[in-house]
């Protein structure tokens, strides 16, 4: 009977050791999985290349000569700001400033992940040329709408102005002030706005062409 009890004890100890090994193995797998959460991921290639004239011009306007370099580093994979600095040779502070400026203009986006060990957040950046192109197109459409409204007003309004360079006024405003400038009281004369109309028409045409090409 004692011998049977001894065998059961040994069997229980063996089972306990196997369970501990299994827990240890599972724990290691869980830790590995947790670390994998803060690893960069590959980014699918975008249909709009950075060499697109609109995107290239936008990058240069926002961040100067380094804008394209930073964006190109995160076309195919997500990187942290430190990794971008190492790959491009650009100072870390400048890289961060460029990323923030590009983010404000919808050119780049980020994925924030909490590091399980340190508790700090890690930011992985990626470029999004399609989103940037849509943002530029929307802004141009809004600008086009405002310019068209301004052109319509210039064509259908009679203006007057004084010889002192004060802001022009409409016929209604001029008559209400006895054709005296409301600012300097100088005499108001008909104002020729034909140059403004031509300028607006040219800007509108250029914007329409840009929207067609984008």
Protein backbone atom coordinates (compact mmCIF):
# COMPACT_ATOMS: atom_id res chain seq x y z
CA UNK A 1 0.00 0.00 0.00
CA UNK A 2 2.87 2.34 0.85
CA UNK A 3 4.51 1.38 -2.42
CA UNK A 4 1.37 2.36 -4.37
CA UNK A 5 1.20 5.70 -2.57
CA UNK A 6 4.85 6.34 -3.44
CA UNK A 7 4.15 5.66 -7.11
CA UNK A 8 1.21 8.08 -7.05
CA UNK A 9 3.42 10.76 -5.45
CA UNK A 10 6.13 10.33 -8.09
CA UNK A 11 3.50 10.46 -10.81
CA UNK A 12 2.06 13.68 -9.34
CA UNK A 13 5.53 15.28 -9.16
CA UNK A 14 6.23 14.35 -12.77
CA UNK A 15 2.91 15.82 -13.88
CA UNK A 16 3.63 19.00 -11.92
CA UNK A 17 7.02 19.39 -13.64
CA UNK A 18 5.43 18.94 -17.07
CA UNK A 19 2.78 21.56 -16.24
CA UNK A 20 5.47 24.04 -15.15
CA UNK A 21 7.35 23.48 -18.41
CA UNK A 22 4.15 24.08 -20.35
CA UNK A 23 3.42 27.32 -18.44
CA UNK A 24 6.97 28.51 -19.00
CA UNK A 25 6.72 27.72 -22.71
CA UNK A 26 3.35 29.50 -22.97
CA UNK A 27 4.71 32.51 -21.08
CA UNK A 28 7.65 32.78 -23.44
CA UNK A 29 5.33 32.62 -26.42
CA UNK A 30 3.12 35.33 -24.91
CA UNK A 31 6.13 37.59 -24.27
CA UNK A 32 7.31 37.08 -27.83
CA UNK A 33 3.82 37.94 -29.08
CA UNK A 34 3.75 41.09 -26.94
CA UNK A 35 7.09 42.24 -28.33
CA UNK A 36 5.88 41.65 -31.85
CA UNK A 37 3.16 44.24 -31.30
CA UNK A 38 5.71 47.05 -31.34
CA UNK A 39 7.49 45.95 -34.49
CA UNK A 40 7.15 47.97 -37.73
CA UNK A 41 5.07 46.50 -40.52
CA UNK A 42 5.40 46.58 -44.26
CA UNK A 43 3.21 49.11 -46.04
CA UNK A 44 1.51 48.31 -49.32
CA UNK A 45 2.78 50.39 -52.23
CA UNK A 46 0.53 53.33 -53.02
CA UNK A 47 -0.88 53.90 -56.49
CA UNK A 48 0.16 57.55 -56.40
CA UNK A 49 3.98 57.83 -56.51
CA UNK A 50 5.90 60.51 -54.64
CA UNK A 51 7.19 61.65 -58.03
CA UNK A 52 3.69 62.84 -58.89
CA UNK A 53 4.14 66.59 -59.68
CA UNK A 54 1.46 67.63 -57.19
CA UNK A 55 2.86 65.47 -54.36
CA UNK A 56 6.46 66.46 -55.11
CA UNK A 57 5.57 70.16 -55.10
CA UNK A 58 3.59 69.75 -51.88
CA UNK A 59 6.51 68.00 -50.14
CA UNK A 60 8.87 70.78 -51.17
CA UNK A 61 6.48 73.53 -50.11
CA UNK A 62 5.87 71.97 -46.70
CA UNK A 63 9.34 70.78 -45.74
CA UNK A 64 11.82 72.10 -48.28
CA UNK A 65 14.53 69.90 -49.76
CA UNK A 66 14.28 67.31 -46.95
CA UNK A 67 10.53 66.72 -47.32
CA UNK A 68 10.90 64.27 -50.21
CA UNK A 69 13.80 62.46 -48.52
CA UNK A 70 11.82 61.83 -45.32
CA UNK A 71 8.68 60.78 -47.22
CA UNK A 72 10.62 58.38 -49.44
CA UNK A 73 12.05 56.61 -46.37
CA UNK A 74 8.56 55.56 -45.24
CA UNK A 75 6.97 54.64 -48.57
CA UNK A 76 7.28 50.86 -48.20
CA UNK A 77 7.46 50.39 -44.41
CA UNK A 78 6.63 52.07 -41.13
CA UNK A 79 9.54 53.64 -39.26
CA UNK A 80 10.04 55.56 -36.04
CA UNK A 81 11.47 59.08 -36.16
CA UNK A 82 14.80 57.76 -34.88
CA UNK A 83 14.96 55.12 -37.61
CA UNK A 84 14.16 57.74 -40.25
CA UNK A 85 16.94 59.97 -38.92
CA UNK A 86 19.45 57.11 -39.10
CA UNK A 87 18.50 56.10 -42.64
CA UNK A 88 18.40 59.62 -44.09
CA UNK A 89 21.22 61.22 -42.13
CA UNK A 90 18.93 64.11 -41.19
CA UNK A 91 19.00 65.43 -37.62
CA UNK A 92 16.35 63.87 -35.36
CA UNK A 93 14.84 67.23 -34.35
CA UNK A 94 14.50 68.22 -38.00
CA UNK A 95 12.96 64.85 -38.88
CA UNK A 96 10.36 65.31 -36.15
CA UNK A 97 9.51 68.83 -37.31
CA UNK A 98 9.15 67.62 -40.91
CA UNK A 99 6.91 64.72 -39.83
CA UNK A 100 4.64 67.04 -37.85
CA UNK A 101 4.38 69.46 -40.79
CA UNK A 102 3.64 66.63 -43.22
CA UNK A 103 1.06 65.22 -40.81
CA UNK A 104 -0.73 68.59 -40.62
CA UNK A 105 -1.00 68.52 -44.41
CA UNK A 106 -2.26 64.90 -44.54
CA UNK A 107 0.88 63.60 -46.27
CA UNK A 108 1.86 61.15 -43.52
CA UNK A 109 0.04 59.27 -40.79
CA UNK A 110 1.21 57.31 -37.76
CA UNK A 111 0.38 54.21 -35.73
CA UNK A 112 0.80 54.54 -31.96
CA UNK A 113 1.76 51.43 -30.00
CA UNK A 114 2.39 51.09 -26.28
CA UNK A 115 5.61 49.30 -25.39
CA UNK A 116 4.75 46.52 -22.93
CA UNK A 117 8.10 46.80 -21.14
CA UNK A 118 8.70 50.55 -20.80
CA UNK A 119 5.10 51.74 -20.92
CA UNK A 120 6.08 54.45 -23.41
CA UNK A 121 4.26 54.99 -26.69
CA UNK A 122 6.12 54.27 -29.91
CA UNK A 123 5.06 56.10 -33.07
CA UNK A 124 5.45 54.39 -36.44
CA UNK A 125 5.16 56.74 -39.41
CA UNK A 126 4.12 56.03 -42.98
CA UNK A 127 3.57 58.21 -46.04
CA UNK A 128 0.10 58.40 -47.59
CA UNK A 129 0.33 60.10 -51.02
CA UNK A 130 -3.24 59.26 -52.00
CA UNK A 131 -4.59 60.99 -48.89
CA UNK A 132 -2.33 63.97 -49.55
CA UNK A 133 -3.50 64.22 -53.15
CA UNK A 134 -7.14 64.16 -52.03
CA UNK A 135 -6.38 66.88 -49.46
CA UNK A 136 -4.72 69.09 -52.09
CA UNK A 137 -7.58 68.52 -54.51
CA UNK A 138 -10.17 69.49 -51.91
CA UNK A 139 -8.29 72.69 -51.03
CA UNK A 140 -7.96 73.60 -54.70
CA UNK A 141 -11.66 73.03 -55.27
CA UNK A 142 -12.51 75.32 -52.35
CA UNK A 143 -10.10 77.96 -53.64
CA UNK A 144 -11.57 77.65 -57.13
CA UNK A 145 -15.05 78.17 -55.73
CA UNK A 146 -13.96 81.32 -53.86
CA UNK A 147 -12.18 82.73 -56.92
CA UNK A 148 -15.19 82.08 -59.15
CA UNK A 149 -17.43 83.88 -56.65
CA UNK A 150 -14.99 86.80 -56.50
CA UNK A 151 -14.82 86.95 -60.30
CA UNK A 152 -18.59 87.00 -60.54
CA UNK A 153 -18.72 89.87 -58.05
CA UNK A 154 -16.02 91.86 -59.88
CA UNK A 155 -17.84 91.48 -63.19
CA UNK A 156 -21.24 92.52 -61.84
CA UNK A 157 -20.27 95.36 -59.49
CA UNK A 158 -19.46 99.00 -60.25
CA UNK A 159 -16.63 100.29 -58.06
CA UNK A 160 -15.29 103.71 -57.11
CA UNK A 161 -12.02 104.74 -55.49
CA UNK A 162 -10.08 107.84 -54.46
CA UNK A 163 -6.62 108.86 -55.63
CA UNK A 164 -5.04 108.14 -52.24
CA UNK A 165 -5.01 104.37 -52.58
CA UNK A 166 -7.82 103.67 -50.11
CA UNK A 167 -9.90 100.50 -50.56
CA UNK A 168 -12.40 100.64 -53.41
CA UNK A 169 -16.13 100.94 -52.63
CA UNK A 170 -19.28 99.92 -54.46
CA UNK A 171 -21.60 102.37 -56.24
CA UNK A 172 -24.07 102.05 -53.38
CA UNK A 173 -21.40 102.89 -50.78
CA UNK A 174 -20.13 105.79 -52.89
CA UNK A 175 -23.60 107.33 -53.25
CA UNK A 176 -24.27 106.95 -49.51
CA UNK A 177 -21.10 109.00 -48.83
CA UNK A 178 -21.82 111.67 -51.49
CA UNK A 179 -19.00 110.19 -53.62
CA UNK A 180 -16.44 111.02 -50.96
CA UNK A 181 -14.01 108.36 -49.71
CA UNK A 182 -15.32 107.02 -46.37
CA UNK A 183 -11.72 106.79 -45.13
CA UNK A 184 -9.93 109.96 -46.29
CA UNK A 185 -12.88 112.02 -47.60
CA UNK A 186 -11.18 112.37 -50.98
CA UNK A 187 -13.21 112.51 -54.20
CA UNK A 188 -14.36 109.15 -55.52
CA UNK A 189 -13.91 108.31 -59.18
CA UNK A 190 -14.97 105.22 -61.21
CA UNK A 191 -12.56 102.37 -60.62
CA UNK A 192 -11.33 100.22 -63.50
CA UNK A 193 -11.19 96.62 -62.25
CA UNK A 194 -10.47 95.02 -65.63
CA UNK A 195 -6.93 94.00 -64.53
CA UNK A 196 -8.36 92.22 -61.49
CA UNK A 197 -10.84 90.36 -63.68
CA UNK A 198 -8.09 89.21 -66.05
CA UNK A 199 -5.93 88.07 -63.12
CA UNK A 200 -8.79 86.10 -61.58
CA UNK A 201 -9.62 84.45 -64.89
CA UNK A 202 -6.02 83.31 -65.27
CA UNK A 203 -5.85 81.88 -61.75
CA UNK A 204 -9.15 80.09 -62.26
CA UNK A 205 -7.95 78.58 -65.54
CA UNK A 206 -4.70 77.42 -63.92
CA UNK A 207 -6.58 75.80 -61.03
CA UNK A 208 -8.95 74.02 -63.39
CA UNK A 209 -6.00 72.60 -65.30
CA UNK A 210 -4.33 71.45 -62.07
CA UNK A 211 -7.51 69.71 -60.93
CA UNK A 212 -7.79 67.97 -64.30
CA UNK A 213 -4.18 66.75 -64.18
CA UNK A 214 -4.21 65.66 -60.51
